[in-house]
Amino acid sequence: MDIENIKKLRELTGVGITDAKKALTDAGGDFDKALEEMKKKGLAKAAQRGEREARSGLIGSYSHDGRIGVLVEVNCETDFVAKTDEFKELVKDLTLHIAASEPEGVDDLLKQPFVKNPEQTVEDVIKGHIVKLGENIVVRQFARFELGVNS
């Protein structure tokens, strides 16, 4: 078993060494197959976490050349997670996505291809963070302003 693949699988999924090693063993050493199975299991765990209440979090802001402004409320379950670099980066990425993609509402935002990786939807990115951080994450609301454009 290649230790580098175990490390890489851990980094990408946020699971422990034992789980990463088991996934690779179950996949016969096929890294891509192991990763796919871990994602499936992780998304199942994310769905279970989605039922837990998320009332902590951050309000993120972004201004693009003073012409486009975004505010977004992203909630998680605890202040501990809200203070992590991973959560802060997610909030920042969501403000950039909203500025670039002009979603009309949260539901519309979640179904759009993610601006930094169009292979994934915004919802997929959020679910990945739910798995990685171990808490429910919810985009509660956002506002997007563009100079000279009435909403």
Protein backbone atom coordinates (compact mmCIF):
# COMPACT_ATOMS: atom_id res chain seq x y z
CA MET A 1 0.00 0.00 0.00
CA ASP A 2 1.46 3.36 -1.07
CA ILE A 3 1.71 5.74 1.93
CA GLU A 4 1.61 8.74 -0.42
CA ASN A 5 -1.82 7.67 -1.72
CA ILE A 6 -3.06 7.30 1.86
CA LYS A 7 -1.83 10.83 2.67
CA LYS A 8 -3.34 12.23 -0.51
CA LEU A 9 -6.69 10.54 0.16
CA ARG A 10 -6.69 11.92 3.71
CA GLU A 11 -6.00 15.46 2.48
CA LEU A 12 -8.74 15.34 -0.14
CA THR A 13 -11.42 13.81 2.08
CA GLY A 14 -10.53 14.82 5.62
CA VAL A 15 -10.79 11.20 6.89
CA GLY A 16 -8.38 9.47 9.27
CA ILE A 17 -5.47 7.25 8.27
CA THR A 18 -7.37 4.05 9.05
CA ASP A 19 -10.35 5.05 6.89
CA ALA A 20 -8.10 6.12 4.01
CA LYS A 21 -6.14 2.88 4.16
CA LYS A 22 -9.35 0.81 4.31
CA ALA A 23 -10.80 2.66 1.31
CA LEU A 24 -7.65 1.99 -0.73
CA THR A 25 -7.61 -1.67 0.33
CA ASP A 26 -11.30 -2.07 -0.58
CA ALA A 27 -10.59 -0.46 -3.97
CA GLY A 28 -7.70 -2.84 -4.64
CA GLY A 29 -5.19 0.02 -4.48
CA ASP A 30 -7.02 2.05 -7.17
CA PHE A 31 -6.75 5.63 -5.89
CA ASP A 32 -9.50 7.07 -8.11
CA LYS A 33 -11.94 4.32 -7.17
CA ALA A 34 -11.14 4.79 -3.46
CA LEU A 35 -11.64 8.55 -3.74
CA GLU A 36 -14.98 8.10 -5.50
CA GLU A 37 -16.20 5.71 -2.79
CA MET A 38 -15.05 8.09 -0.05
CA LYS A 39 -16.92 10.95 -1.72
CA LYS A 40 -20.09 8.87 -1.88
CA LYS A 41 -19.78 7.96 1.80
CA GLY A 42 -18.89 11.53 2.67
CA LEU A 43 -21.89 12.95 0.89
CA ALA A 44 -24.09 10.51 2.79
CA LYS A 45 -22.56 11.83 6.02
CA ALA A 46 -23.08 15.39 4.77
CA ALA A 47 -26.77 14.69 4.20
CA GLN A 48 -27.09 13.46 7.79
CA ARG A 49 -25.35 16.59 9.08
CA GLY A 50 -27.69 18.75 6.99
CA GLU A 51 -30.43 18.17 9.52
CA ARG A 52 -28.45 19.78 12.35
CA GLU A 53 -29.05 23.45 13.10
CA ALA A 54 -26.47 25.95 11.90
CA ARG A 55 -26.65 29.32 13.66
CA SER A 56 -22.99 30.34 14.03
CA GLY A 57 -20.89 31.41 11.07
CA LEU A 58 -19.71 34.49 9.24
CA ILE A 59 -20.92 37.32 7.09
CA GLY A 60 -18.52 37.70 4.21
CA SER A 61 -18.08 40.72 1.98
CA TYR A 62 -16.41 41.41 -1.31
CA SER A 63 -16.00 44.47 -3.49
CA HIS A 64 -14.81 44.27 -7.07
CA ASP A 65 -13.20 47.55 -8.21
CA GLY A 66 -15.82 49.47 -6.23
CA ARG A 67 -18.39 48.55 -8.90
CA ILE A 68 -19.76 45.24 -7.60
CA GLY A 69 -20.35 44.46 -3.92
CA VAL A 70 -21.47 41.26 -2.21
CA LEU A 71 -22.57 40.36 1.31
CA VAL A 72 -23.24 36.71 2.18
CA GLU A 73 -24.31 35.00 5.41
CA VAL A 74 -22.87 31.49 5.73
CA ASN A 75 -23.80 29.52 8.84
CA CYS A 76 -22.20 26.55 10.57
CA GLU A 77 -22.90 24.88 13.90
CA THR A 78 -20.10 26.30 16.10
CA ASP A 79 -17.90 29.35 16.45
CA PHE A 80 -14.93 26.98 16.49
CA VAL A 81 -15.54 25.98 12.86
CA ALA A 82 -16.47 29.55 11.86
CA LYS A 83 -12.97 30.64 12.93
CA THR A 84 -11.12 28.02 10.85
CA ASP A 85 -9.20 29.03 7.74
CA GLU A 86 -11.14 26.44 5.69
CA PHE A 87 -14.50 27.99 6.61
CA LYS A 88 -13.24 31.54 6.03
CA GLU A 89 -11.90 30.49 2.62
CA LEU A 90 -15.27 28.95 1.72
CA VAL A 91 -17.07 32.19 2.62
CA LYS A 92 -14.56 34.19 0.56
CA ASP A 93 -15.00 31.84 -2.42
CA LEU A 94 -18.78 32.16 -2.17
CA THR A 95 -18.60 35.97 -2.26
CA LEU A 96 -16.40 35.77 -5.37
CA HIS A 97 -18.84 33.31 -6.96
CA ILE A 98 -21.82 35.56 -6.26
CA ALA A 99 -20.01 38.60 -7.68
CA ALA A 100 -19.05 36.75 -10.87
CA SER A 101 -22.16 34.62 -11.47
CA GLU A 102 -25.05 36.91 -10.49
CA PRO A 103 -27.32 34.24 -8.94
CA GLU A 104 -30.88 35.37 -8.31
CA GLY A 105 -31.35 33.47 -5.05
CA VAL A 106 -29.78 30.93 -2.74
CA ASP A 107 -31.41 27.95 -4.46
CA ASP A 108 -30.22 29.27 -7.85
CA LEU A 109 -26.73 29.86 -6.32
CA LEU A 110 -26.47 26.23 -5.09
CA LYS A 111 -27.24 24.71 -8.53
CA GLN A 112 -24.77 26.84 -10.52
CA PRO A 113 -21.39 25.51 -11.65
CA PHE A 114 -18.84 26.84 -9.15
CA VAL A 115 -16.90 29.69 -10.72
CA LYS A 116 -13.49 28.42 -9.47
CA ASN A 117 -14.18 24.82 -10.59
CA PRO A 118 -17.08 24.46 -13.09
CA GLU A 119 -16.86 20.66 -12.76
CA GLN A 120 -18.64 21.07 -9.40
CA THR A 121 -21.79 22.91 -8.39
CA VAL A 122 -21.74 25.35 -5.49
CA GLU A 123 -23.73 22.75 -3.54
CA ASP A 124 -20.99 20.14 -4.18
CA VAL A 125 -18.35 22.54 -2.85
CA ILE A 126 -20.39 23.21 0.28
CA LYS A 127 -21.00 19.48 0.84
CA GLY A 128 -17.27 18.87 0.54
CA HIS A 129 -16.69 21.39 3.32
CA ILE A 130 -19.43 19.80 5.42
CA VAL A 131 -17.57 16.50 5.20
CA LYS A 132 -14.18 18.08 5.83
CA LEU A 133 -15.25 20.28 8.76
CA GLY A 134 -17.78 17.86 10.26
CA GLU A 135 -20.58 20.39 10.63
CA ASN A 136 -23.66 21.46 8.74
CA ILE A 137 -23.05 24.54 6.56
CA VAL A 138 -25.84 26.68 5.15
CA VAL A 139 -25.82 29.70 2.86
CA ARG A 140 -28.59 31.65 4.60
CA GLN A 141 -28.80 34.77 2.42
CA PHE A 142 -26.84 37.13 0.21
CA ALA A 143 -27.06 40.52 -1.43
CA ARG A 144 -25.29 41.58 -4.62
CA PHE A 145 -24.99 45.21 -5.65
CA GLU A 146 -23.77 46.51 -8.99
CA LEU A 147 -23.13 50.18 -9.60
CA GLY A 148 -25.75 51.70 -11.91
CA VAL A 149 -28.01 48.60 -11.93
CA ASN A 150 -31.36 48.59 -10.15
CA SER A 151 -32.53 45.34 -8.61
